[in-house]
Structures are given as C-alpha cells and as structure tokens.
N, C-alpha and C. Protein backbone atom coordinates (compact mmCIF):
# COMPACT_ATOMS: atom_id res chain seq x y z
N MET A 1 19.83 -6.91 -2.66
CA MET A 1 19.30 -7.62 -1.19
C MET A 1 17.75 -7.23 -1.05
N TRP A 2 17.68 -5.94 -1.42
CA TRP A 2 16.86 -5.11 -1.26
C TRP A 2 15.59 -5.10 -1.96
N ASN A 3 15.82 -5.54 -2.96
CA ASN A 3 14.62 -6.07 -4.35
C ASN A 3 14.75 -7.35 -4.60
N ASN A 4 13.19 -7.32 -4.70
CA ASN A 4 12.81 -9.33 -5.24
C ASN A 4 13.37 -8.97 -7.04
N PRO A 5 13.41 -10.34 -6.77
CA PRO A 5 14.11 -10.66 -8.70
C PRO A 5 12.56 -10.17 -9.01
N LEU A 6 12.86 -9.72 -10.26
CA LEU A 6 11.97 -8.89 -11.59
C LEU A 6 11.63 -10.00 -11.82
N ASP A 7 10.17 -10.18 -12.08
CA ASP A 7 8.90 -11.35 -12.41
C ASP A 7 9.71 -11.17 -13.85
N THR A 8 9.55 -12.60 -15.40
CA THR A 8 9.81 -12.47 -15.93
C THR A 8 8.64 -13.05 -16.77
N CYS A 9 7.66 -12.88 -16.42
CA CYS A 9 6.03 -13.71 -16.68
C CYS A 9 6.08 -12.67 -18.17
N SER A 10 5.50 -13.45 -19.30
CA SER A 10 4.86 -13.07 -20.75
C SER A 10 4.50 -11.84 -20.80
N VAL A 11 3.23 -11.98 -19.48
CA VAL A 11 2.32 -10.98 -19.66
C VAL A 11 3.25 -9.38 -19.49
N PHE A 12 4.47 -9.74 -18.23
CA PHE A 12 4.96 -8.48 -18.05
C PHE A 12 6.53 -8.04 -19.23
N ASP A 13 7.02 -8.83 -19.92
CA ASP A 13 7.25 -8.86 -21.02
C ASP A 13 6.81 -8.11 -22.29
N LEU A 14 5.73 -7.76 -22.35
CA LEU A 14 4.71 -7.64 -23.66
C LEU A 14 4.66 -5.80 -22.77
N MET A 15 4.94 -5.60 -21.38
CA MET A 15 4.88 -4.30 -20.96
C MET A 15 5.92 -2.97 -20.78
N GLN A 16 6.92 -4.00 -21.37
CA GLN A 16 8.16 -3.53 -21.01
C GLN A 16 8.76 -2.27 -21.72
N GLN A 17 7.96 -1.91 -22.79
CA GLN A 17 7.35 -0.91 -23.03
C GLN A 17 6.92 0.16 -23.17
N SER A 18 5.98 0.16 -21.86
CA SER A 18 5.04 1.07 -21.76
C SER A 18 5.40 1.65 -20.01
N PRO A 19 5.24 3.03 -19.68
CA PRO A 19 5.57 3.53 -18.31
C PRO A 19 5.32 2.85 -17.31
N GLY A 20 6.17 3.05 -16.20
CA GLY A 20 5.51 2.00 -14.58
C GLY A 20 4.63 3.32 -14.46
N GLN A 21 4.13 3.04 -13.30
CA GLN A 21 3.37 3.27 -12.78
C GLN A 21 2.95 2.73 -11.06
N LEU A 22 2.60 3.96 -10.23
CA LEU A 22 2.67 3.32 -8.58
C LEU A 22 0.98 3.38 -8.65
N VAL A 23 0.96 3.05 -7.69
CA VAL A 23 -0.26 2.54 -7.06
C VAL A 23 -0.48 2.68 -5.49
N VAL A 24 -1.23 3.54 -5.08
CA VAL A 24 -0.93 3.74 -3.37
C VAL A 24 -2.24 3.04 -3.30
N ILE A 25 -2.66 2.42 -2.10
CA ILE A 25 -3.99 1.96 -1.50
C ILE A 25 -3.46 2.25 -0.28
N SER A 26 -4.88 3.37 0.66
CA SER A 26 -4.71 3.20 1.50
C SER A 26 -6.57 2.87 2.19
N GLY A 27 -6.32 2.97 3.66
CA GLY A 27 -7.36 2.47 3.90
C GLY A 27 -7.89 2.41 5.58
N PRO A 28 -8.49 2.69 6.73
CA PRO A 28 -7.98 2.18 8.14
C PRO A 28 -7.93 1.01 8.04
N SER A 29 -7.73 0.35 9.74
CA SER A 29 -7.55 -0.58 9.96
C SER A 29 -8.97 -1.04 10.27
N GLY A 30 -9.05 -2.25 9.98
CA GLY A 30 -10.56 -3.53 9.77
C GLY A 30 -11.01 -2.90 8.55
N SER A 31 -10.57 -2.32 7.75
CA SER A 31 -11.52 -1.94 6.19
C SER A 31 -11.28 -3.34 5.09
N GLY A 32 -10.14 -4.25 5.54
CA GLY A 32 -9.70 -5.49 4.58
C GLY A 32 -8.85 -5.25 3.94
N LYS A 33 -8.17 -4.43 4.28
CA LYS A 33 -7.02 -3.61 2.63
C LYS A 33 -6.24 -5.60 2.78
N THR A 34 -5.75 -5.89 3.50
CA THR A 34 -4.87 -7.01 3.41
C THR A 34 -5.30 -7.88 2.92
N THR A 35 -6.73 -8.58 3.30
CA THR A 35 -6.82 -9.52 2.41
C THR A 35 -7.88 -9.36 0.77
N VAL A 36 -7.65 -7.95 0.82
CA VAL A 36 -8.20 -7.60 -0.75
C VAL A 36 -7.22 -7.47 -1.41
N LEU A 37 -6.31 -6.83 -0.95
CA LEU A 37 -4.73 -6.75 -1.68
C LEU A 37 -4.37 -8.38 -2.17
N ARG A 38 -4.19 -9.37 -1.32
CA ARG A 38 -4.06 -10.52 -1.68
C ARG A 38 -4.32 -11.18 -2.48
N GLN A 39 -6.00 -10.98 -2.88
CA GLN A 39 -6.74 -11.44 -4.05
C GLN A 39 -6.78 -10.07 -5.46
N VAL A 40 -6.38 -9.40 -5.27
CA VAL A 40 -6.02 -7.87 -6.23
C VAL A 40 -4.50 -8.79 -7.26
N PHE A 41 -4.11 -9.13 -6.14
CA PHE A 41 -2.29 -9.54 -6.90
C PHE A 41 -2.80 -10.68 -7.78
N GLU A 42 -3.68 -11.80 -6.64
CA GLU A 42 -3.55 -12.83 -7.30
C GLU A 42 -4.57 -12.42 -8.92
N ARG A 43 -5.32 -11.90 -8.88
CA ARG A 43 -6.38 -11.57 -10.26
C ARG A 43 -5.49 -11.13 -11.28
N CYS A 44 -4.83 -9.67 -10.62
CA CYS A 44 -3.63 -9.13 -11.44
C CYS A 44 -2.34 -9.26 -11.96
N PRO A 45 -1.74 -10.39 -12.05
CA PRO A 45 -0.17 -11.06 -11.69
C PRO A 45 0.83 -9.32 -11.90
N TRP A 46 0.14 -8.34 -13.47
CA TRP A 46 1.11 -7.54 -13.54
C TRP A 46 1.84 -6.45 -12.50
N LEU A 47 0.68 -6.88 -10.77
CA LEU A 47 1.02 -5.84 -10.29
C LEU A 47 2.07 -6.05 -9.29
N GLU A 48 2.79 -5.19 -9.12
CA GLU A 48 3.80 -5.92 -7.79
C GLU A 48 3.86 -4.93 -6.57
N ALA A 49 4.06 -5.38 -4.98
CA ALA A 49 3.87 -5.40 -4.06
C ALA A 49 5.10 -4.58 -3.41
N SER A 50 5.36 -3.31 -3.00
CA SER A 50 6.15 -3.01 -2.48
C SER A 50 6.49 -3.49 -1.03
N VAL A 51 7.41 -4.01 -0.35
CA VAL A 51 8.12 -4.18 0.92
C VAL A 51 8.25 -3.03 1.63
N SER A 52 7.40 -2.70 2.93
CA SER A 52 8.08 -1.63 3.81
C SER A 52 8.75 -2.31 4.54
N ALA A 53 9.11 -1.58 5.17
CA ALA A 53 10.22 -1.35 6.12
C ALA A 53 9.87 -0.75 7.40
N THR A 54 10.73 -1.75 8.59
CA THR A 54 9.99 -1.60 9.90
C THR A 54 11.32 -1.77 11.28
N THR A 55 11.17 -1.11 11.79
CA THR A 55 11.75 -1.30 13.07
C THR A 55 11.20 -2.28 14.27
N ARG A 56 9.88 -2.56 13.88
CA ARG A 56 9.32 -3.62 14.91
C ARG A 56 9.49 -5.11 14.94
N ALA A 57 9.60 -5.71 15.93
CA ALA A 57 10.15 -7.15 15.89
C ALA A 57 8.82 -8.19 14.92
N PRO A 58 9.51 -9.05 14.14
CA PRO A 58 8.60 -9.93 13.38
C PRO A 58 7.53 -10.43 14.40
N ARG A 59 6.26 -10.81 13.55
CA ARG A 59 5.57 -11.31 14.31
C ARG A 59 5.75 -13.03 13.52
N PRO A 60 5.03 -14.39 14.79
CA PRO A 60 5.39 -15.30 14.02
C PRO A 60 4.83 -15.82 13.24
N GLY A 61 5.53 -15.89 11.96
CA GLY A 61 5.62 -16.37 10.69
C GLY A 61 6.14 -15.44 9.77
N GLU A 62 6.48 -14.37 10.08
CA GLU A 62 6.68 -13.11 8.89
C GLU A 62 8.19 -13.60 8.55
N VAL A 63 8.16 -13.02 7.19
CA VAL A 63 9.60 -13.03 6.83
C VAL A 63 10.11 -12.10 6.48
N HIS A 64 11.25 -12.16 6.74
CA HIS A 64 11.84 -10.95 6.25
C HIS A 64 12.52 -10.12 4.52
N GLY A 65 12.09 -9.77 3.98
CA GLY A 65 12.04 -9.31 2.96
C GLY A 65 10.80 -9.33 2.28
N GLU A 66 9.87 -10.41 2.73
CA GLU A 66 8.18 -10.86 1.88
C GLU A 66 7.54 -9.53 3.04
N ASP A 67 7.64 -9.89 4.67
CA ASP A 67 6.46 -9.09 5.02
C ASP A 67 6.81 -7.81 5.24
N TYR A 68 8.04 -7.50 5.62
CA TYR A 68 8.52 -6.24 5.69
C TYR A 68 10.31 -6.72 5.57
N PHE A 69 10.94 -5.22 5.86
CA PHE A 69 11.97 -5.46 5.88
C PHE A 69 12.32 -4.96 7.44
N PHE A 70 12.95 -5.88 8.33
CA PHE A 70 13.28 -5.87 9.64
C PHE A 70 13.90 -5.37 10.20
N LEU A 71 14.15 -3.71 10.38
CA LEU A 71 15.14 -3.41 10.17
C LEU A 71 15.66 -2.88 11.97
N THR A 72 16.92 -2.78 12.31
CA THR A 72 16.96 -2.12 13.66
C THR A 72 16.60 -0.83 13.73
N LYS A 73 16.51 0.09 14.93
CA LYS A 73 16.16 1.43 14.93
C LYS A 73 17.14 2.27 14.09
N GLU A 74 18.09 1.61 14.72
CA GLU A 74 19.56 2.06 14.55
C GLU A 74 20.13 2.61 12.29
N ASP A 75 19.98 0.83 12.07
CA ASP A 75 19.92 0.91 10.87
C ASP A 75 18.74 1.93 10.12
N PHE A 76 17.49 1.81 10.56
CA PHE A 76 16.43 2.91 9.95
C PHE A 76 16.76 4.72 9.94
N ALA A 77 17.28 4.52 11.32
CA ALA A 77 17.79 6.45 11.42
C ALA A 77 18.53 6.58 10.11
N ALA A 78 19.75 5.52 10.19
CA ALA A 78 21.49 5.79 9.46
C ALA A 78 20.84 5.92 7.48
N ARG A 79 19.56 4.64 7.73
CA ARG A 79 19.05 5.01 6.21
C ARG A 79 17.93 6.31 5.94
N ARG A 80 17.16 6.32 6.90
CA ARG A 80 16.47 7.70 6.79
C ARG A 80 17.13 8.88 6.75
N ALA A 81 18.35 9.16 7.16
CA ALA A 81 19.26 10.28 7.53
C ALA A 81 19.79 10.64 5.58
N ARG A 82 20.61 9.54 5.28
CA ARG A 82 20.81 9.29 3.96
C ARG A 82 19.28 9.38 2.57
N GLY A 83 18.69 9.53 3.06
CA GLY A 83 17.41 9.56 2.27
C GLY A 83 17.19 8.25 1.35
N GLU A 84 17.29 7.66 1.77
CA GLU A 84 16.72 6.40 1.21
C GLU A 84 15.32 5.69 1.35
N PHE A 85 14.43 6.63 2.14
CA PHE A 85 13.20 6.37 2.03
C PHE A 85 12.43 7.54 1.20
N LEU A 86 10.65 6.85 0.60
CA LEU A 86 10.39 7.96 0.33
C LEU A 86 9.40 8.08 1.07
N GLU A 87 8.78 7.53 1.76
CA GLU A 87 8.56 8.36 3.14
C GLU A 87 8.51 7.33 3.86
N CYS A 88 8.76 7.75 5.30
CA CYS A 88 8.86 7.10 6.68
C CYS A 88 7.64 7.93 7.78
N PHE A 89 7.40 7.03 8.54
CA PHE A 89 7.10 7.51 9.68
C PHE A 89 7.00 7.10 11.02
N GLU A 90 7.00 7.53 12.41
CA GLU A 90 6.67 6.58 13.44
C GLU A 90 5.63 6.69 14.00
N VAL A 91 5.08 5.38 14.22
CA VAL A 91 3.45 5.10 14.28
C VAL A 91 3.60 5.86 16.01
N PHE A 92 2.86 6.77 16.56
CA PHE A 92 3.03 7.51 18.09
C PHE A 92 1.85 6.55 18.68
N GLY A 93 3.15 6.28 20.09
CA GLY A 93 2.34 5.43 20.77
C GLY A 93 2.58 3.78 20.59
N ARG A 94 3.31 3.23 19.92
CA ARG A 94 3.98 2.38 19.72
C ARG A 94 5.73 3.02 19.82
N GLY A 95 6.15 3.85 18.88
CA GLY A 95 7.70 4.02 19.54
C GLY A 95 7.93 2.56 17.84
N HIS A 96 7.67 2.68 17.37
CA HIS A 96 8.03 2.32 15.83
C HIS A 96 8.16 2.85 14.68
N TRP A 97 8.86 3.10 13.27
CA TRP A 97 8.99 3.43 12.17
C TRP A 97 8.52 2.61 11.03
N TYR A 98 7.88 3.05 10.25
CA TYR A 98 7.58 1.98 9.00
C TYR A 98 7.92 3.21 7.94
N GLY A 99 8.35 2.45 6.79
CA GLY A 99 8.50 3.53 5.83
C GLY A 99 8.52 2.47 4.27
N THR A 100 8.75 3.21 3.38
CA THR A 100 9.35 2.65 2.40
C THR A 100 10.50 3.20 1.02
N LEU A 101 10.92 2.16 1.02
CA LEU A 101 12.66 2.82 0.44
C LEU A 101 12.22 2.98 -1.17
N GLN A 102 13.30 3.84 -0.97
CA GLN A 102 13.25 4.48 -2.69
C GLN A 102 14.20 3.21 -3.77
N SER A 103 14.49 2.29 -3.00
CA SER A 103 15.10 1.15 -3.99
C SER A 103 13.69 -0.34 -4.33
N GLU A 104 12.76 -0.24 -3.11
CA GLU A 104 11.76 -0.90 -3.52
C GLU A 104 10.35 -0.11 -4.70
N VAL A 105 11.29 1.06 -5.04
CA VAL A 105 9.88 1.46 -6.07
C VAL A 105 10.39 2.12 -7.42
N ALA A 106 11.71 2.80 -7.35
CA ALA A 106 12.43 3.78 -8.38
C ALA A 106 12.57 2.45 -9.50
N PRO A 107 13.60 1.82 -9.08
CA PRO A 107 14.22 0.76 -10.15
C PRO A 107 13.04 0.19 -10.72
N ARG A 108 11.90 -0.05 -10.25
CA ARG A 108 10.35 -1.21 -10.66
C ARG A 108 9.78 -0.13 -11.86
N LEU A 109 9.70 0.90 -11.21
CA LEU A 109 9.14 2.17 -12.10
C LEU A 109 9.94 2.40 -13.57
N ALA A 110 10.74 2.11 -13.30
CA ALA A 110 11.89 2.73 -14.74
C ALA A 110 12.02 1.54 -15.40
N ALA A 111 11.57 0.29 -14.55
CA ALA A 111 11.98 -0.63 -15.96
C ALA A 111 10.32 -0.98 -16.02
N GLY A 112 9.36 -0.24 -16.02
CA GLY A 112 8.03 -0.49 -16.56
C GLY A 112 6.88 -1.25 -15.31
N LYS A 113 7.10 -0.97 -14.44
CA LYS A 113 6.72 -2.20 -13.39
C LYS A 113 5.59 -1.04 -12.69
N TRP A 114 4.70 -1.97 -12.42
CA TRP A 114 3.17 -1.16 -11.75
C TRP A 114 3.87 -1.99 -10.29
N VAL A 115 3.75 -0.85 -9.39
CA VAL A 115 3.93 -0.96 -8.27
C VAL A 115 2.93 -0.51 -7.20
N VAL A 116 2.99 -1.25 -6.17
CA VAL A 116 1.68 -1.10 -5.39
C VAL A 116 2.02 -0.78 -4.02
N LEU A 117 1.53 0.38 -3.09
CA LEU A 117 1.92 0.96 -1.51
C LEU A 117 1.21 0.71 -1.50
N GLU A 118 0.61 -0.25 -0.07
CA GLU A 118 -0.19 0.03 1.20
C GLU A 118 0.52 0.62 1.95
N ILE A 119 -0.11 2.24 2.38
CA ILE A 119 0.48 2.83 2.93
C ILE A 119 -0.94 3.54 3.70
N ASP A 120 -0.23 4.47 4.89
CA ASP A 120 -1.58 5.41 5.31
C ASP A 120 -1.70 6.52 4.77
N VAL A 121 -2.83 7.66 5.09
CA VAL A 121 -2.79 8.44 4.87
C VAL A 121 -1.58 9.47 4.97
N GLU A 122 -0.81 9.60 5.84
CA GLU A 122 0.47 10.78 5.72
C GLU A 122 1.04 10.29 4.85
N GLY A 123 1.63 9.07 4.93
CA GLY A 123 2.94 8.64 3.77
C GLY A 123 2.02 8.59 2.14
N THR A 124 0.85 8.98 2.18
CA THR A 124 0.38 8.83 0.43
C THR A 124 0.57 10.38 0.54
N LEU A 125 0.38 11.28 1.32
CA LEU A 125 0.52 12.72 1.25
C LEU A 125 2.15 12.87 1.03
N ALA A 126 2.88 12.11 1.25
CA ALA A 126 4.37 12.22 1.66
C ALA A 126 4.39 11.61 -0.26
N VAL A 127 4.03 10.52 -0.32
CA VAL A 127 4.45 10.04 -1.75
C VAL A 127 3.98 10.90 -3.29
N LEU A 128 2.97 11.30 -2.87
CA LEU A 128 2.72 12.40 -3.96
C LEU A 128 3.18 13.27 -4.17
N GLN A 129 4.24 13.82 -3.23
CA GLN A 129 5.16 14.89 -3.15
C GLN A 129 6.39 14.65 -4.40
N THR A 130 6.82 13.12 -4.59
CA THR A 130 7.36 13.15 -5.43
C THR A 130 7.02 12.13 -6.87
N TYR A 131 5.62 11.30 -6.48
CA TYR A 131 4.71 11.17 -7.87
C TYR A 131 3.56 11.14 -7.80
N PRO A 132 3.24 12.47 -8.36
CA PRO A 132 2.18 13.70 -8.20
C PRO A 132 1.35 12.93 -9.06
N ASP A 133 1.73 11.79 -9.98
CA ASP A 133 0.62 10.88 -11.36
C ASP A 133 0.48 9.65 -10.49
N ALA A 134 0.80 8.88 -9.05
CA ALA A 134 0.81 8.06 -8.53
C ALA A 134 -1.29 7.66 -8.46
N VAL A 135 -2.07 6.63 -9.28
CA VAL A 135 -3.09 6.22 -8.78
C VAL A 135 -3.36 5.96 -7.59
N THR A 136 -4.28 6.95 -6.73
CA THR A 136 -4.56 6.59 -5.47
C THR A 136 -5.71 6.33 -5.10
N ILE A 137 -5.96 5.05 -4.38
CA ILE A 137 -7.57 4.44 -3.96
C ILE A 137 -7.55 4.16 -2.34
N PHE A 138 -8.45 4.85 -2.12
CA PHE A 138 -8.49 4.88 -0.49
C PHE A 138 -9.79 3.92 -0.78
N LEU A 139 -9.59 2.74 0.18
CA LEU A 139 -10.50 1.65 0.82
C LEU A 139 -10.85 1.65 1.82
N ARG A 140 -12.42 1.81 1.81
CA ARG A 140 -13.65 2.08 3.14
C ARG A 140 -14.91 1.24 3.78
N PRO A 141 -14.48 0.61 5.07
CA PRO A 141 -15.89 0.50 4.87
C PRO A 141 -17.37 1.41 4.70
N GLU A 142 -18.72 0.77 4.45
CA GLU A 142 -19.89 1.59 4.73
C GLU A 142 -19.51 3.18 5.57
N THR A 143 -19.55 2.69 6.50
CA THR A 143 -19.62 3.44 8.10
C THR A 143 -19.09 3.12 9.01
N VAL A 144 -18.51 4.54 9.73
CA VAL A 144 -17.60 3.70 10.68
C VAL A 144 -17.86 3.13 11.41
N GLU A 145 -18.98 3.14 11.88
CA GLU A 145 -19.67 1.52 12.70
C GLU A 145 -19.64 0.93 11.79
N GLU A 146 -19.29 0.00 10.67
CA GLU A 146 -19.30 -1.07 10.39
C GLU A 146 -17.91 -1.25 10.68
N LEU A 147 -16.97 -0.36 10.73
CA LEU A 147 -15.62 -0.26 10.88
C LEU A 147 -15.78 -0.76 12.23
N GLU A 148 -16.23 -0.05 13.41
CA GLU A 148 -15.74 -0.54 14.22
C GLU A 148 -16.58 -2.27 14.81
N ARG A 149 -17.44 -2.23 14.04
CA ARG A 149 -18.13 -3.58 14.31
C ARG A 149 -16.88 -4.75 13.92
N ARG A 150 -16.58 -4.32 12.50
CA ARG A 150 -15.31 -5.49 12.07
C ARG A 150 -14.14 -5.37 13.13
N LEU A 151 -13.71 -4.52 13.87
CA LEU A 151 -12.63 -4.82 14.36
C LEU A 151 -13.34 -5.21 15.79
N VAL A 152 -14.28 -5.42 16.44
CA VAL A 152 -14.38 -5.64 17.79
C VAL A 152 -14.97 -7.42 17.90
N THR A 153 -15.87 -7.54 16.24
CA THR A 153 -15.84 -9.19 15.77
C THR A 153 -14.23 -9.64 15.46
N ARG A 154 -13.02 -9.03 15.58
CA ARG A 154 -12.47 -9.73 14.90
C ARG A 154 -11.35 -10.00 15.88
N GLY A 155 -11.89 -9.59 17.59
CA GLY A 155 -11.42 -10.18 19.06
C GLY A 155 -10.38 -9.86 19.09
N THR A 156 -9.28 -8.94 18.47
CA THR A 156 -7.74 -9.30 19.13
C THR A 156 -7.54 -8.24 19.94
N GLU A 157 -8.17 -7.15 19.91
CA GLU A 157 -7.59 -5.97 20.50
C GLU A 157 -8.41 -5.00 22.01
N SER A 158 -8.12 -4.62 22.76
CA SER A 158 -8.87 -4.52 23.86
C SER A 158 -9.56 -2.96 23.15
N PRO A 159 -10.73 -2.65 23.95
CA PRO A 159 -11.43 -1.68 23.38
C PRO A 159 -10.80 -0.63 23.65
N GLU A 160 -9.90 -0.12 24.31
CA GLU A 160 -9.09 0.73 24.35
C GLU A 160 -8.47 0.71 22.85
N ALA A 161 -7.37 -0.04 22.79
CA ALA A 161 -6.83 -0.47 21.31
C ALA A 161 -8.02 0.35 20.36
N ILE A 162 -9.01 -0.31 19.97
CA ILE A 162 -10.30 0.33 18.96
C ILE A 162 -10.75 1.28 19.14
N ALA A 163 -10.44 1.64 20.00
CA ALA A 163 -10.79 3.01 20.40
C ALA A 163 -10.00 4.28 19.50
N ARG A 164 -8.83 3.47 19.92
CA ARG A 164 -7.64 4.99 19.33
C ARG A 164 -7.96 4.46 17.30
N ARG A 165 -8.04 3.13 17.17
CA ARG A 165 -8.16 3.43 15.80
C ARG A 165 -9.25 3.41 15.12
N LEU A 166 -10.33 3.77 15.60
CA LEU A 166 -11.71 4.50 15.44
C LEU A 166 -10.86 6.19 15.05
N GLU A 167 -10.71 6.24 16.37
CA GLU A 167 -10.28 8.18 16.08
C GLU A 167 -8.69 8.02 14.82
N VAL A 168 -7.95 7.31 14.85
CA VAL A 168 -7.28 7.22 13.94
C VAL A 168 -8.09 7.19 12.54
N ALA A 169 -8.98 6.44 12.29
CA ALA A 169 -10.02 6.46 10.94
C ALA A 169 -10.44 7.06 10.42
N ARG A 170 -11.62 8.26 11.42
CA ARG A 170 -11.46 9.29 11.73
C ARG A 170 -11.29 10.38 11.20
N HIS A 171 -10.13 10.06 11.48
CA HIS A 171 -8.73 11.60 11.16
C HIS A 171 -8.46 10.97 9.62
N GLU A 172 -8.23 9.83 9.05
CA GLU A 172 -7.64 9.33 7.91
C GLU A 172 -9.33 9.39 6.63
N LEU A 173 -10.02 9.53 7.21
CA LEU A 173 -11.46 9.81 6.56
C LEU A 173 -11.58 11.37 6.25
N GLU A 174 -11.02 12.42 6.61
CA GLU A 174 -10.94 13.43 6.35
C GLU A 174 -10.12 14.07 5.20
N PHE A 175 -9.22 13.03 4.95
CA PHE A 175 -8.19 13.04 4.08
C PHE A 175 -8.48 12.70 2.67
N ILE A 176 -9.85 11.54 2.86
CA ILE A 176 -10.31 11.18 1.71
C ILE A 176 -10.04 11.52 0.27
N ASP A 177 -10.92 12.94 -0.07
CA ASP A 177 -10.77 13.68 -1.08
C ASP A 177 -9.55 13.94 -1.47
N ARG A 178 -8.43 13.21 -1.09
CA ARG A 178 -6.93 13.69 -1.65
C ARG A 178 -7.24 12.56 -2.26
N TYR A 179 -7.47 11.48 -2.45
CA TYR A 179 -7.22 10.26 -3.82
C TYR A 179 -8.23 9.91 -4.48
N GLN A 180 -7.47 9.64 -5.71
CA GLN A 180 -8.54 9.62 -6.94
C GLN A 180 -9.64 8.99 -6.76
N HIS A 181 -9.39 7.66 -6.04
CA HIS A 181 -10.75 7.05 -6.40
C HIS A 181 -11.07 6.69 -4.90
N GLN A 182 -12.25 6.32 -4.48
CA GLN A 182 -12.98 5.61 -3.29
C GLN A 182 -13.22 3.92 -3.57
N VAL A 183 -13.03 3.14 -2.68
CA VAL A 183 -13.66 2.01 -3.16
C VAL A 183 -14.42 1.49 -1.74
N VAL A 184 -15.69 1.17 -1.57
CA VAL A 184 -16.17 0.70 -0.72
C VAL A 184 -16.25 -0.42 -0.80
N ASN A 185 -15.67 -1.00 0.55
CA ASN A 185 -15.56 -2.84 0.72
C ASN A 185 -16.56 -3.39 1.71
N GLU A 186 -17.78 -3.44 0.61
CA GLU A 186 -18.95 -3.78 1.49
C GLU A 186 -18.95 -5.65 1.10
N THR A 187 -18.41 -6.39 0.62
CA THR A 187 -17.64 -7.81 0.30
C THR A 187 -16.48 -7.53 -0.45
N ILE A 188 -15.65 -8.74 0.34
CA ILE A 188 -14.59 -8.50 -0.45
C ILE A 188 -14.08 -8.53 -2.10
N GLU A 189 -15.12 -9.71 -2.33
CA GLU A 189 -15.63 -9.96 -4.10
C GLU A 189 -15.29 -8.59 -4.75
N GLN A 190 -16.55 -8.36 -4.37
CA GLN A 190 -16.83 -6.44 -4.57
C GLN A 190 -16.00 -5.59 -4.71
N ALA A 191 -15.28 -5.50 -3.38
CA ALA A 191 -14.13 -4.74 -3.81
C ALA A 191 -12.35 -5.23 -4.60
N VAL A 192 -12.08 -6.08 -4.52
CA VAL A 192 -11.57 -7.06 -5.09
C VAL A 192 -11.94 -6.60 -6.87
N ASP A 193 -13.31 -6.88 -7.18
CA ASP A 193 -13.43 -6.63 -8.59
C ASP A 193 -13.37 -4.77 -8.72
N ASP A 194 -13.74 -4.18 -8.35
CA ASP A 194 -13.89 -2.88 -8.13
C ASP A 194 -11.97 -2.23 -8.45
N ILE A 195 -11.39 -2.82 -7.79
CA ILE A 195 -9.69 -2.24 -7.77
C ILE A 195 -9.12 -2.90 -9.19
N CYS A 196 -9.37 -3.57 -9.26
CA CYS A 196 -9.28 -4.72 -10.82
C CYS A 196 -9.48 -4.40 -11.78
N GLN A 197 -10.89 -3.71 -12.22
CA GLN A 197 -11.72 -3.12 -13.35
C GLN A 197 -10.90 -1.26 -13.51
N LEU A 198 -10.39 -0.86 -12.21
CA LEU A 198 -10.29 0.35 -12.03
C LEU A 198 -8.85 0.19 -12.99
N LEU A 199 -8.20 -0.38 -12.38
CA LEU A 199 -6.37 -0.80 -12.43
C LEU A 199 -6.09 -1.54 -14.12
N GLU A 200 -7.51 -2.14 -14.50
CA GLU A 200 -7.36 -2.52 -15.69
C GLU A 200 -7.58 -1.12 -16.61
N ARG A 201 -8.27 -0.60 -16.47
CA ARG A 201 -9.05 0.57 -17.20
C ARG A 201 -7.19 1.81 -17.41
N THR A 202 -6.92 1.49 -15.97
CA THR A 202 -5.89 2.88 -16.27
C THR A 202 -5.12 2.41 -16.90
N ARG A 203 -4.51 0.70 -17.02
CA ARG A 203 -3.03 0.03 -17.59
C ARG A 203 -3.61 0.16 -19.16
N GLU A 204 -4.59 0.22 -19.88
CA GLU A 204 -5.33 0.44 -20.89
C GLU A 204 -4.90 1.20 -21.40
N GLN A 205 -5.07 2.74 -20.75
CA GLN A 205 -5.41 4.33 -20.79
C GLN A 205 -3.61 4.37 -21.37
N ALA A 206 -3.12 4.01 -20.27
CA ALA A 206 -1.21 4.18 -20.30
C ALA A 206 -0.60 3.16 -21.42
N ALA A 207 -1.59 2.56 -21.60
CA ALA A 207 -0.40 1.32 -22.89
C ALA A 207 -0.80 1.91 -24.04
N ALA A 208 -2.47 2.86 -24.39
CA ALA A 208 -2.70 3.16 -25.81
C ALA A 208 -1.82 4.55 -25.89
N SER A 209 -1.99 5.48 -24.60
CA SER A 209 -0.94 6.77 -24.28
C SER A 209 0.33 6.53 -24.87
N ALA A 210 0.74 5.51 -24.39
CA ALA A 210 2.70 5.08 -24.56
C ALA A 210 2.80 4.75 -26.36
N ALA A 211 1.63 4.09 -26.77
CA ALA A 211 1.82 3.36 -28.48
C ALA A 211 1.51 5.18 -29.29
N SER A 212 0.91 6.53 -28.74
CA SER A 212 0.25 6.99 -29.71
C SER A 212 1.59 8.19 -30.23
C-alpha cells in the first residue's frame, strides 16, 4: 500500500546493477522547489520521488499516496513509536507533523533506484545520520530580498506569515554549508539544468565505480 510500483522503463533496467542513491533537496519556501523538481523529474525519469507523510488535511486536488500520505495524528504517532520514519518533525505554530517513511526509501535504494527527498534542513540533518553518503542540494534565490519579493508576489499569505517564512529561511541559510551543492534559482530553466547536470555526473560516476 505504501510503495509506488517500481517503474520498469528500460533506462531503469540498465541501472539495476548500479547502487541506489539518496538525493536530498532543500530550500526555503518561495525558492521554487516544487516547480523546479517537477521539471527535474520530467528531464531525469530515472529519479523517483519519495512521498512524505503528514497529519494535515488534504488540500483541494491533493491525492493520498501521490502528494502525501495523509495520516491521522494517532496513526502518525504509532508509526513514529515503531521507528517507521527516517525523519519526522512537527511544524511549530501549526501543530502538523511531516515525515519520510522508511518504506519509501530503503526498499528502493536496495533495488538500485535513485530516490529524491524534498525536505527541510532539520530533516536533512536527521537523514544524514542514516545516509551520510546522500547527495545534498540546497536550492535558493540570489538574496533574502529576492525571496521576500517572490513571497509577496505570490499573494497567498499575510504579511505576518511572510515574516515567519523569512525568519525560517534565514535560519535555514545558516546550515547551507552542510549541503554538498548549492543551486541559485535565477530562472527555472537554469536551476533545472544545473540540478540535472549535477545528478547526471554523479550517476555516471556511480555507474563507473560500480563497474570497476
């Protein structure tokens, strides 16, 4: 129930003997992660997205098992107690929990898949304790001022909510040196190119190492 069927595309079949790889992508709200990653997955079909779990209610159009695994607080807590999460945190101020299920990651890596997590800094630090060889990428705008401009332009949040997001962003930027790679999102096309080229190089190196 929890795992998406493994893609049987021929490009995946060619990589079955290569080791799996975990990829972690973070970035502050407003950095363009969702849009960039959507195009990265289109350009690099050998990447697989890990679906996070959350206790918040689905938003209009969201599908259980595709956008998130929508769990009750009781179910989430029980899974957390059983150690089923690779990482999980409560979003303070909102009271919702978010986390990455081990079942979304470990079986795919064992099958040689490249699995992408879109998580925050706290989650990344937790994941690195289990997977220190994960490829980590931080996507960010050129400046905090540019980030603020984007958040204001979206027009979806109050000034108070934007101020909170900027405070979180400044905190996250303090940990940017914990990431192997930084990608500045000046344009969507450029950011997608940068991430795809980076992952293609890493994939080629991994395949060469496995073959040697």
